[in-house]
Amino acid sequence: MCGITGFNWEDKKLLKSMTDVLSHRGPDSHGIYSDKVISLGHRRLAIIDLSKKGHQPMIYEHKNKKVIITYNGEVYNFQEIKNELEKKGY
């Protein structure tokens, strides 16, 4: 099981510390994202997708907008979601 940390302010030192404490939850990869609005940390336990494409937090930028997510789980209908987003121009 992965480990997720986060809060709604910017403090990279605290975020790194919190994420490091969860190293036993995700030894395969780790990442952090922090700006003035949100801070997210992730420790990854790779089970299905062993590639670096599963690195989190995931950041997507489109038309001057940014979406940042981190999650623990498996998206089984990823192909349907991909097709729907492509139809909408993403």
PDB file of N, CA and C in Angstrom:
ATOM      1  N   MET A   1       0.843  -1.175   0.000  1.00  0.00           N
ATOM      2  CA  MET A   1       0.000   0.000   0.000  1.00  0.00           C
ATOM      3  C   MET A   1       0.889   1.238   0.000  1.00  0.00           C
ATOM      4  N   CYS A   2       0.533   2.215  -0.792  1.00  0.00           N
ATOM      5  CA  CYS A   2       1.285   3.462  -0.896  1.00  0.00           C
ATOM      6  C   CYS A   2       1.052   4.344   0.326  1.00  0.00           C
ATOM      7  N   GLY A   3       1.793   5.438   0.394  1.00  0.00           N
ATOM      8  CA  GLY A   3       1.598   6.429   1.443  1.00  0.00           C
ATOM      9  C   GLY A   3       1.360   7.790   0.823  1.00  0.00           C
ATOM     10  N   ILE A   4       0.393   8.528   1.345  1.00  0.00           N
ATOM     11  CA  ILE A   4       0.028   9.839   0.809  1.00  0.00           C
ATOM     12  C   ILE A   4       0.051  10.864   1.935  1.00  0.00           C
ATOM     13  N   THR A   5       0.637  12.022   1.656  1.00  0.00           N
ATOM     14  CA  THR A   5       0.651  13.129   2.607  1.00  0.00           C
ATOM     15  C   THR A   5       0.139  14.379   1.905  1.00  0.00           C
ATOM     16  N   GLY A   6      -0.316  15.346   2.685  1.00  0.00           N
ATOM     17  CA  GLY A   6      -0.741  16.587   2.066  1.00  0.00           C
ATOM     18  C   GLY A   6      -1.405  17.543   3.032  1.00  0.00           C
ATOM     19  N   PHE A   7      -1.440  18.798   2.619  1.00  0.00           N
ATOM     20  CA  PHE A   7      -2.107  19.858   3.365  1.00  0.00           C
ATOM     21  C   PHE A   7      -2.325  21.031   2.430  1.00  0.00           C
ATOM     22  N   ASN A   8      -3.052  22.043   2.883  1.00  0.00           N
ATOM     23  CA  ASN A   8      -3.448  23.140   1.986  1.00  0.00           C
ATOM     24  C   ASN A   8      -2.662  24.428   2.226  1.00  0.00           C
ATOM     25  N   TRP A   9      -1.357  24.307   2.382  1.00  0.00           N
ATOM     26  CA  TRP A   9      -0.455  25.453   2.420  1.00  0.00           C
ATOM     27  C   TRP A   9       0.907  24.975   1.929  1.00  0.00           C
ATOM     28  N   GLU A  10       1.833  25.904   1.764  1.00  0.00           N
ATOM     29  CA  GLU A  10       3.152  25.569   1.232  1.00  0.00           C
ATOM     30  C   GLU A  10       4.166  25.459   2.365  1.00  0.00           C
ATOM     31  N   ASP A  11       4.775  24.290   2.483  1.00  0.00           N
ATOM     32  CA  ASP A  11       5.856  24.058   3.445  1.00  0.00           C
ATOM     33  C   ASP A  11       6.615  22.820   2.974  1.00  0.00           C
ATOM     34  N   LYS A  12       7.582  23.026   2.089  1.00  0.00           N
ATOM     35  CA  LYS A  12       8.301  21.900   1.486  1.00  0.00           C
ATOM     36  C   LYS A  12       9.084  21.087   2.511  1.00  0.00           C
ATOM     37  N   LYS A  13       9.630  21.745   3.523  1.00  0.00           N
ATOM     38  CA  LYS A  13      10.394  21.022   4.541  1.00  0.00           C
ATOM     39  C   LYS A  13       9.486  20.059   5.314  1.00  0.00           C
ATOM     40  N   LEU A  14       8.323  20.536   5.742  1.00  0.00           N
ATOM     41  CA  LEU A  14       7.366  19.685   6.448  1.00  0.00           C
ATOM     42  C   LEU A  14       6.867  18.566   5.539  1.00  0.00           C
ATOM     43  N   LEU A  15       6.554  18.898   4.298  1.00  0.00           N
ATOM     44  CA  LEU A  15       6.059  17.907   3.347  1.00  0.00           C
ATOM     45  C   LEU A  15       7.080  16.796   3.130  1.00  0.00           C
ATOM     46  N   LYS A  16       8.342  17.163   2.935  1.00  0.00           N
ATOM     47  CA  LYS A  16       9.395  16.161   2.749  1.00  0.00           C
ATOM     48  C   LYS A  16       9.521  15.280   3.983  1.00  0.00           C
ATOM     49  N   SER A  17       9.496  15.880   5.159  1.00  0.00           N
ATOM     50  CA  SER A  17       9.600  15.124   6.408  1.00  0.00           C
ATOM     51  C   SER A  17       8.441  14.136   6.553  1.00  0.00           C
ATOM     52  N   MET A  18       7.227  14.603   6.290  1.00  0.00           N
ATOM     53  CA  MET A  18       6.053  13.731   6.393  1.00  0.00           C
ATOM     54  C   MET A  18       6.137  12.576   5.400  1.00  0.00           C
ATOM     55  N   THR A  19       6.567  12.872   4.182  1.00  0.00           N
ATOM     56  CA  THR A  19       6.653  11.850   3.140  1.00  0.00           C
ATOM     57  C   THR A  19       7.754  10.843   3.460  1.00  0.00           C
ATOM     58  N   ASP A  20       8.873  11.318   3.993  1.00  0.00           N
ATOM     59  CA  ASP A  20       9.972  10.420   4.366  1.00  0.00           C
ATOM     60  C   ASP A  20       9.567   9.445   5.467  1.00  0.00           C
ATOM     61  N   VAL A  21       8.745   9.904   6.413  1.00  0.00           N
ATOM     62  CA  VAL A  21       8.294   9.037   7.509  1.00  0.00           C
ATOM     63  C   VAL A  21       7.525   7.829   6.966  1.00  0.00           C
ATOM     64  N   LEU A  22       6.895   7.982   5.808  1.00  0.00           N
ATOM     65  CA  LEU A  22       6.106   6.901   5.221  1.00  0.00           C
ATOM     66  C   LEU A  22       6.905   6.028   4.252  1.00  0.00           C
ATOM     67  N   SER A  23       8.225   6.069   4.320  1.00  0.00           N
ATOM     68  CA  SER A  23       9.047   5.317   3.364  1.00  0.00           C
ATOM     69  C   SER A  23       8.744   3.823   3.374  1.00  0.00           C
ATOM     70  N   HIS A  24       8.346   3.293   4.511  1.00  0.00           N
ATOM     71  CA  HIS A  24       8.010   1.865   4.588  1.00  0.00           C
ATOM     72  C   HIS A  24       6.736   1.524   3.812  1.00  0.00           C
ATOM     73  N   ARG A  25       5.925   2.532   3.499  1.00  0.00           N
ATOM     74  CA  ARG A  25       4.673   2.312   2.771  1.00  0.00           C
ATOM     75  C   ARG A  25       4.882   2.273   1.260  1.00  0.00           C
ATOM     76  N   GLY A  26       5.990   2.844   0.800  1.00  0.00           N
ATOM     77  CA  GLY A  26       6.231   2.878  -0.633  1.00  0.00           C
ATOM     78  C   GLY A  26       7.707   2.998  -0.933  1.00  0.00           C
ATOM     79  N   PRO A  27       8.417   1.873  -0.992  1.00  0.00           N
ATOM     80  CA  PRO A  27       9.859   1.914  -1.193  1.00  0.00           C
ATOM     81  C   PRO A  27      10.292   2.107  -2.647  1.00  0.00           C
ATOM     82  N   ASP A  28       9.364   2.025  -3.603  1.00  0.00           N
ATOM     83  CA  ASP A  28       9.745   2.021  -5.013  1.00  0.00           C
ATOM     84  C   ASP A  28       9.961   3.405  -5.614  1.00  0.00           C
ATOM     85  N   SER A  29       9.297   4.410  -5.065  1.00  0.00           N
ATOM     86  CA  SER A  29       9.400   5.754  -5.625  1.00  0.00           C
ATOM     87  C   SER A  29       8.791   6.737  -4.635  1.00  0.00           C
ATOM     88  N   HIS A  30       9.183   7.985  -4.756  1.00  0.00           N
ATOM     89  CA  HIS A  30       8.555   9.024  -3.945  1.00  0.00           C
ATOM     90  C   HIS A  30       8.605  10.341  -4.703  1.00  0.00           C
ATOM     91  N   GLY A  31       7.663  11.216  -4.379  1.00  0.00           N
ATOM     92  CA  GLY A  31       7.627  12.514  -5.023  1.00  0.00           C
ATOM     93  C   GLY A  31       6.834  13.497  -4.192  1.00  0.00           C
ATOM     94  N   ILE A  32       7.117  14.784  -4.406  1.00  0.00           N
ATOM     95  CA  ILE A  32       6.371  15.832  -3.720  1.00  0.00           C
ATOM     96  C   ILE A  32       6.027  16.936  -4.714  1.00  0.00           C
ATOM     97  N   TYR A  33       4.937  17.630  -4.433  1.00  0.00           N
ATOM     98  CA  TYR A  33       4.542  18.818  -5.177  1.00  0.00           C
ATOM     99  C   TYR A  33       4.066  19.837  -4.162  1.00  0.00           C
ATOM    100  N   SER A  34       4.518  21.074  -4.311  1.00  0.00           N
ATOM    101  CA  SER A  34       4.098  22.113  -3.378  1.00  0.00           C
ATOM    102  C   SER A  34       4.032  23.457  -4.093  1.00  0.00           C
ATOM    103  N   ASP A  35       2.942  24.172  -3.874  1.00  0.00           N
ATOM    104  CA  ASP A  35       2.831  25.559  -4.318  1.00  0.00           C
ATOM    105  C   ASP A  35       2.110  26.334  -3.219  1.00  0.00           C
ATOM    106  N   LYS A  36       1.685  27.549  -3.485  1.00  0.00           N
ATOM    107  CA  LYS A  36       1.072  28.381  -2.444  1.00  0.00           C
ATOM    108  C   LYS A  36      -0.302  27.870  -1.994  1.00  0.00           C
ATOM    109  N   VAL A  37      -0.912  26.971  -2.768  1.00  0.00           N
ATOM    110  CA  VAL A  37      -2.270  26.507  -2.495  1.00  0.00           C
ATOM    111  C   VAL A  37      -2.314  25.102  -1.897  1.00  0.00           C
ATOM    112  N   ILE A  38      -1.420  24.227  -2.340  1.00  0.00           N
ATOM    113  CA  ILE A  38      -1.503  22.820  -1.923  1.00  0.00           C
ATOM    114  C   ILE A  38      -0.121  22.176  -1.883  1.00  0.00           C
ATOM    115  N   SER A  39       0.020  21.217  -1.001  1.00  0.00           N
ATOM    116  CA  SER A  39       1.241  20.414  -0.906  1.00  0.00           C
ATOM    117  C   SER A  39       0.840  18.947  -0.869  1.00  0.00           C
ATOM    118  N   LEU A  40       1.416  18.146  -1.768  1.00  0.00           N
ATOM    119  CA  LEU A  40       1.110  16.723  -1.851  1.00  0.00           C
ATOM    120  C   LEU A  40       2.397  15.911  -1.882  1.00  0.00           C
ATOM    121  N   GLY A  41       2.416  14.835  -1.123  1.00  0.00           N
ATOM    122  CA  GLY A  41       3.545  13.917  -1.128  1.00  0.00           C
ATOM    123  C   GLY A  41       3.060  12.501  -1.367  1.00  0.00           C
ATOM    124  N   HIS A  42       3.913  11.681  -1.972  1.00  0.00           N
ATOM    125  CA  HIS A  42       3.509  10.315  -2.294  1.00  0.00           C
ATOM    126  C   HIS A  42       4.694   9.365  -2.162  1.00  0.00           C
ATOM    127  N   ARG A  43       4.467   8.228  -1.516  1.00  0.00           N
ATOM    128  CA  ARG A  43       5.416   7.110  -1.474  1.00  0.00           C
ATOM    129  C   ARG A  43       4.771   5.983  -2.258  1.00  0.00           C
ATOM    130  N   ARG A  44       5.474   5.450  -3.238  1.00  0.00           N
ATOM    131  CA  ARG A  44       4.869   4.493  -4.168  1.00  0.00           C
ATOM    132  C   ARG A  44       5.331   3.065  -3.916  1.00  0.00           C
ATOM    133  N   LEU A  45       4.359   2.181  -3.868  1.00  0.00           N
ATOM    134  CA  LEU A  45       4.600   0.745  -3.885  1.00  0.00           C
ATOM    135  C   LEU A  45       4.093   0.258  -5.237  1.00  0.00           C
ATOM    136  N   ALA A  46       5.016   0.009  -6.169  1.00  0.00           N
ATOM    137  CA  ALA A  46       4.648  -0.382  -7.530  1.00  0.00           C
ATOM    138  C   ALA A  46       4.270  -1.859  -7.561  1.00  0.00           C
ATOM    139  N   ILE A  47       3.053  -2.138  -8.024  1.00  0.00           N
ATOM    140  CA  ILE A  47       2.581  -3.523  -8.091  1.00  0.00           C
ATOM    141  C   ILE A  47       2.238  -3.908  -9.528  1.00  0.00           C
ATOM    142  N   ILE A  48       1.385  -3.151 -10.188  1.00  0.00           N
ATOM    143  CA  ILE A  48       0.970  -3.469 -11.560  1.00  0.00           C
ATOM    144  C   ILE A  48       1.884  -2.767 -12.565  1.00  0.00           C
ATOM    145  N   ASP A  49       1.890  -1.443 -12.547  1.00  0.00           N
ATOM    146  CA  ASP A  49       2.709  -0.650 -13.469  1.00  0.00           C
ATOM    147  C   ASP A  49       4.045  -0.369 -12.801  1.00  0.00           C
ATOM    148  N   LEU A  50       5.069  -1.072 -13.233  1.00  0.00           N
ATOM    149  CA  LEU A  50       6.389  -0.912 -12.630  1.00  0.00           C
ATOM    150  C   LEU A  50       7.197   0.198 -13.291  1.00  0.00           C
ATOM    151  N   SER A  51       6.638   0.837 -14.323  1.00  0.00           N
ATOM    152  CA  SER A  51       7.366   1.881 -15.046  1.00  0.00           C
ATOM    153  C   SER A  51       7.363   3.199 -14.269  1.00  0.00           C
ATOM    154  N   LYS A  52       8.174   4.121 -14.746  1.00  0.00           N
ATOM    155  CA  LYS A  52       8.243   5.451 -14.132  1.00  0.00           C
ATOM    156  C   LYS A  52       7.009   6.292 -14.463  1.00  0.00           C
ATOM    157  N   LYS A  53       6.163   5.825 -15.377  1.00  0.00           N
ATOM    158  CA  LYS A  53       4.942   6.567 -15.722  1.00  0.00           C
ATOM    159  C   LYS A  53       3.964   6.618 -14.555  1.00  0.00           C
ATOM    160  N   GLY A  54       4.145   5.753 -13.571  1.00  0.00           N
ATOM    161  CA  GLY A  54       3.278   5.750 -12.403  1.00  0.00           C
ATOM    162  C   GLY A  54       3.752   6.655 -11.286  1.00  0.00           C
ATOM    163  N   HIS A  55       4.841   7.411 -11.530  1.00  0.00           N
ATOM    164  CA  HIS A  55       5.389   8.310 -10.505  1.00  0.00           C
ATOM    165  C   HIS A  55       4.347   9.360 -10.115  1.00  0.00           C
ATOM    166  N   GLN A  56       4.276   9.651  -8.828  1.00  0.00           N
ATOM    167  CA  GLN A  56       3.306  10.620  -8.323  1.00  0.00           C
ATOM    168  C   GLN A  56       3.973  11.597  -7.374  1.00  0.00           C
ATOM    169  N   PRO A  57       3.356  12.731  -7.121  1.00  0.00           N
ATOM    170  CA  PRO A  57       2.123  13.251  -7.686  1.00  0.00           C
ATOM    171  C   PRO A  57       2.232  13.426  -9.206  1.00  0.00           C
ATOM    172  N   MET A  58       1.119  13.203  -9.871  1.00  0.00           N
ATOM    173  CA  MET A  58       1.047  13.378 -11.318  1.00  0.00           C
ATOM    174  C   MET A  58       0.598  14.805 -11.602  1.00  0.00           C
ATOM    175  N   ILE A  59       1.287  15.437 -12.556  1.00  0.00           N
ATOM    176  CA  ILE A  59       1.001  16.836 -12.891  1.00  0.00           C
ATOM    177  C   ILE A  59       0.653  16.914 -14.371  1.00  0.00           C
ATOM    178  N   TYR A  60      -0.471  17.537 -14.672  1.00  0.00           N
ATOM    179  CA  TYR A  60      -0.912  17.706 -16.047  1.00  0.00           C
ATOM    180  C   TYR A  60      -1.234  19.173 -16.267  1.00  0.00           C
ATOM    181  N   GLU A  61      -0.643  19.748 -17.319  1.00  0.00           N
ATOM    182  CA  GLU A  61      -0.913  21.146 -17.654  1.00  0.00           C
ATOM    183  C   GLU A  61      -1.584  21.217 -19.016  1.00  0.00           C
ATOM    184  N   HIS A  62      -2.641  22.048 -19.103  1.00  0.00           N
ATOM    185  CA  HIS A  62      -3.387  22.202 -20.342  1.00  0.00           C
ATOM    186  C   HIS A  62      -4.004  23.594 -20.370  1.00  0.00           C
ATOM    187  N   LYS A  63      -3.674  24.361 -21.395  1.00  0.00           N
ATOM    188  CA  LYS A  63      -4.249  25.700 -21.586  1.00  0.00           C
ATOM    189  C   LYS A  63      -4.143  26.549 -20.320  1.00  0.00           C
ATOM    190  N   ASN A  64      -2.948  26.679 -19.800  1.00  0.00           N
ATOM    191  CA  ASN A  64      -2.659  27.495 -18.614  1.00  0.00           C
ATOM    192  C   ASN A  64      -3.362  27.026 -17.349  1.00  0.00           C
ATOM    193  N   LYS A  65      -3.829  25.794 -17.323  1.00  0.00           N
ATOM    194  CA  LYS A  65      -4.418  25.216 -16.118  1.00  0.00           C
ATOM    195  C   LYS A  65      -3.594  24.000 -15.724  1.00  0.00           C
ATOM    196  N   LYS A  66      -3.538  23.759 -14.433  1.00  0.00           N
ATOM    197  CA  LYS A  66      -2.735  22.658 -13.921  1.00  0.00           C
ATOM    198  C   LYS A  66      -3.598  21.766 -13.037  1.00  0.00           C
ATOM    199  N   VAL A  67      -3.455  20.458 -13.221  1.00  0.00           N
ATOM    200  CA  VAL A  67      -4.133  19.470 -12.387  1.00  0.00           C
ATOM    201  C   VAL A  67      -3.054  18.607 -11.746  1.00  0.00           C
ATOM    202  N   ILE A  68      -3.116  18.471 -10.432  1.00  0.00           N
ATOM    203  CA  ILE A  68      -2.152  17.664  -9.689  1.00  0.00           C
ATOM    204  C   ILE A  68      -2.933  16.630  -8.895  1.00  0.00           C
ATOM    205  N   ILE A  69      -2.577  15.350  -9.054  1.00  0.00           N
ATOM    206  CA  ILE A  69      -3.246  14.308  -8.275  1.00  0.00           C
ATOM    207  C   ILE A  69      -2.224  13.348  -7.682  1.00  0.00           C
ATOM    208  N   THR A  70      -2.605  12.758  -6.604  1.00  0.00           N
ATOM    209  CA  THR A  70      -1.892  11.622  -6.039  1.00  0.00           C
ATOM    210  C   THR A  70      -2.956  10.689  -5.486  1.00  0.00           C
ATOM    211  N   TYR A  71      -2.776   9.410  -5.682  1.00  0.00           N
ATOM    212  CA  TYR A  71      -3.796   8.463  -5.239  1.00  0.00           C
ATOM    213  C   TYR A  71      -3.181   7.093  -4.989  1.00  0.00           C
ATOM    214  N   ASN A  72      -3.935   6.270  -4.307  1.00  0.00           N
ATOM    215  CA  ASN A  72      -3.555   4.890  -4.069  1.00  0.00           C
ATOM    216  C   ASN A  72      -4.681   4.022  -4.607  1.00  0.00           C
ATOM    217  N   GLY A  73      -4.388   3.213  -5.575  1.00  0.00           N
ATOM    218  CA  GLY A  73      -5.414   2.348  -6.134  1.00  0.00           C
ATOM    219  C   GLY A  73      -5.105   1.994  -7.573  1.00  0.00           C
ATOM    220  N   GLU A  74      -6.048   1.346  -8.196  1.00  0.00           N
ATOM    221  CA  GLU A  74      -5.907   0.903  -9.578  1.00  0.00           C
ATOM    222  C   GLU A  74      -7.096   1.425 -10.369  1.00  0.00           C
ATOM    223  N   VAL A  75      -6.831   2.074 -11.499  1.00  0.00           N
ATOM    224  CA  VAL A  75      -7.893   2.571 -12.373  1.00  0.00           C
ATOM    225  C   VAL A  75      -8.097   1.522 -13.468  1.00  0.00           C
ATOM    226  N   TYR A  76      -9.178   0.783 -13.379  1.00  0.00           N
ATOM    227  CA  TYR A  76      -9.420  -0.314 -14.314  1.00  0.00           C
ATOM    228  C   TYR A  76      -9.999   0.150 -15.637  1.00  0.00           C
ATOM    229  N   ASN A  77     -10.742   1.250 -15.646  1.00  0.00           N
ATOM    230  CA  ASN A  77     -11.349   1.741 -16.887  1.00  0.00           C
ATOM    231  C   ASN A  77     -10.530   2.888 -17.483  1.00  0.00           C
ATOM    232  N   PHE A  78      -9.207   2.791 -17.363  1.00  0.00           N
ATOM    233  CA  PHE A  78      -8.339   3.876 -17.835  1.00  0.00           C
ATOM    234  C   PHE A  78      -8.503   4.140 -19.323  1.00  0.00           C
ATOM    235  N   GLN A  79      -8.752   3.102 -20.121  1.00  0.00           N
ATOM    236  CA  GLN A  79      -8.894   3.301 -21.563  1.00  0.00           C
ATOM    237  C   GLN A  79     -10.151   4.105 -21.875  1.00  0.00           C
ATOM    238  N   GLU A  80     -11.249   3.822 -21.203  1.00  0.00           N
ATOM    239  CA  GLU A  80     -12.486   4.589 -21.391  1.00  0.00           C
ATOM    240  C   GLU A  80     -12.277   6.047 -21.001  1.00  0.00           C
ATOM    241  N   ILE A  81     -11.627   6.266 -19.886  1.00  0.00           N
ATOM    242  CA  ILE A  81     -11.364   7.636 -19.423  1.00  0.00           C
ATOM    243  C   ILE A  81     -10.479   8.366 -20.419  1.00  0.00           C
ATOM    244  N   LYS A  82      -9.439   7.695 -20.906  1.00  0.00           N
ATOM    245  CA  LYS A  82      -8.536   8.304 -21.890  1.00  0.00           C
ATOM    246  C   LYS A  82      -9.309   8.709 -23.142  1.00  0.00           C
ATOM    247  N   ASN A  83     -10.132   7.803 -23.663  1.00  0.00           N
ATOM    248  CA  ASN A  83     -10.910   8.101 -24.875  1.00  0.00           C
ATOM    249  C   ASN A  83     -11.850   9.283 -24.663  1.00  0.00           C
ATOM    250  N   GLU A  84     -12.507   9.316 -23.522  1.00  0.00           N
ATOM    251  CA  GLU A  84     -13.433  10.411 -23.217  1.00  0.00           C
ATOM    252  C   GLU A  84     -12.702  11.752 -23.130  1.00  0.00           C
ATOM    253  N   LEU A  85     -11.556  11.763 -22.486  1.00  0.00           N
ATOM    254  CA  LEU A  85     -10.783  13.005 -22.372  1.00  0.00           C
ATOM    255  C   LEU A  85     -10.258  13.459 -23.726  1.00  0.00           C
ATOM    256  N   GLU A  86      -9.825  12.520 -24.562  1.00  0.00           N
ATOM    257  CA  GLU A  86      -9.344  12.881 -25.897  1.00  0.00           C
ATOM    258  C   GLU A  86     -10.467  13.488 -26.739  1.00  0.00           C
ATOM    259  N   LYS A  87     -11.680  12.961 -26.611  1.00  0.00           N
ATOM    260  CA  LYS A  87     -12.832  13.520 -27.335  1.00  0.00           C
ATOM    261  C   LYS A  87     -13.110  14.956 -26.902  1.00  0.00           C
ATOM    262  N   LYS A  88     -12.817  15.267 -25.648  1.00  0.00           N
ATOM    263  CA  LYS A  88     -13.036  16.611 -25.123  1.00  0.00           C
ATOM    264  C   LYS A  88     -11.862  17.546 -25.403  1.00  0.00           C
ATOM    265  N   GLY A  89     -10.834  17.043 -26.075  1.00  0.00           N
ATOM    266  CA  GLY A  89      -9.723  17.893 -26.471  1.00  0.00           C
ATOM    267  C   GLY A  89      -8.530  17.899 -25.537  1.00  0.00           C
ATOM    268  N   TYR A  90      -8.474  16.978 -24.612  1.00  0.00           N
ATOM    269  CA  TYR A  90      -7.343  16.909 -23.679  1.00  0.00           C
ATOM    270  C   TYR A  90      -6.307  15.922 -24.159  1.00  0.00           C
TER     271      TYR A  90
END
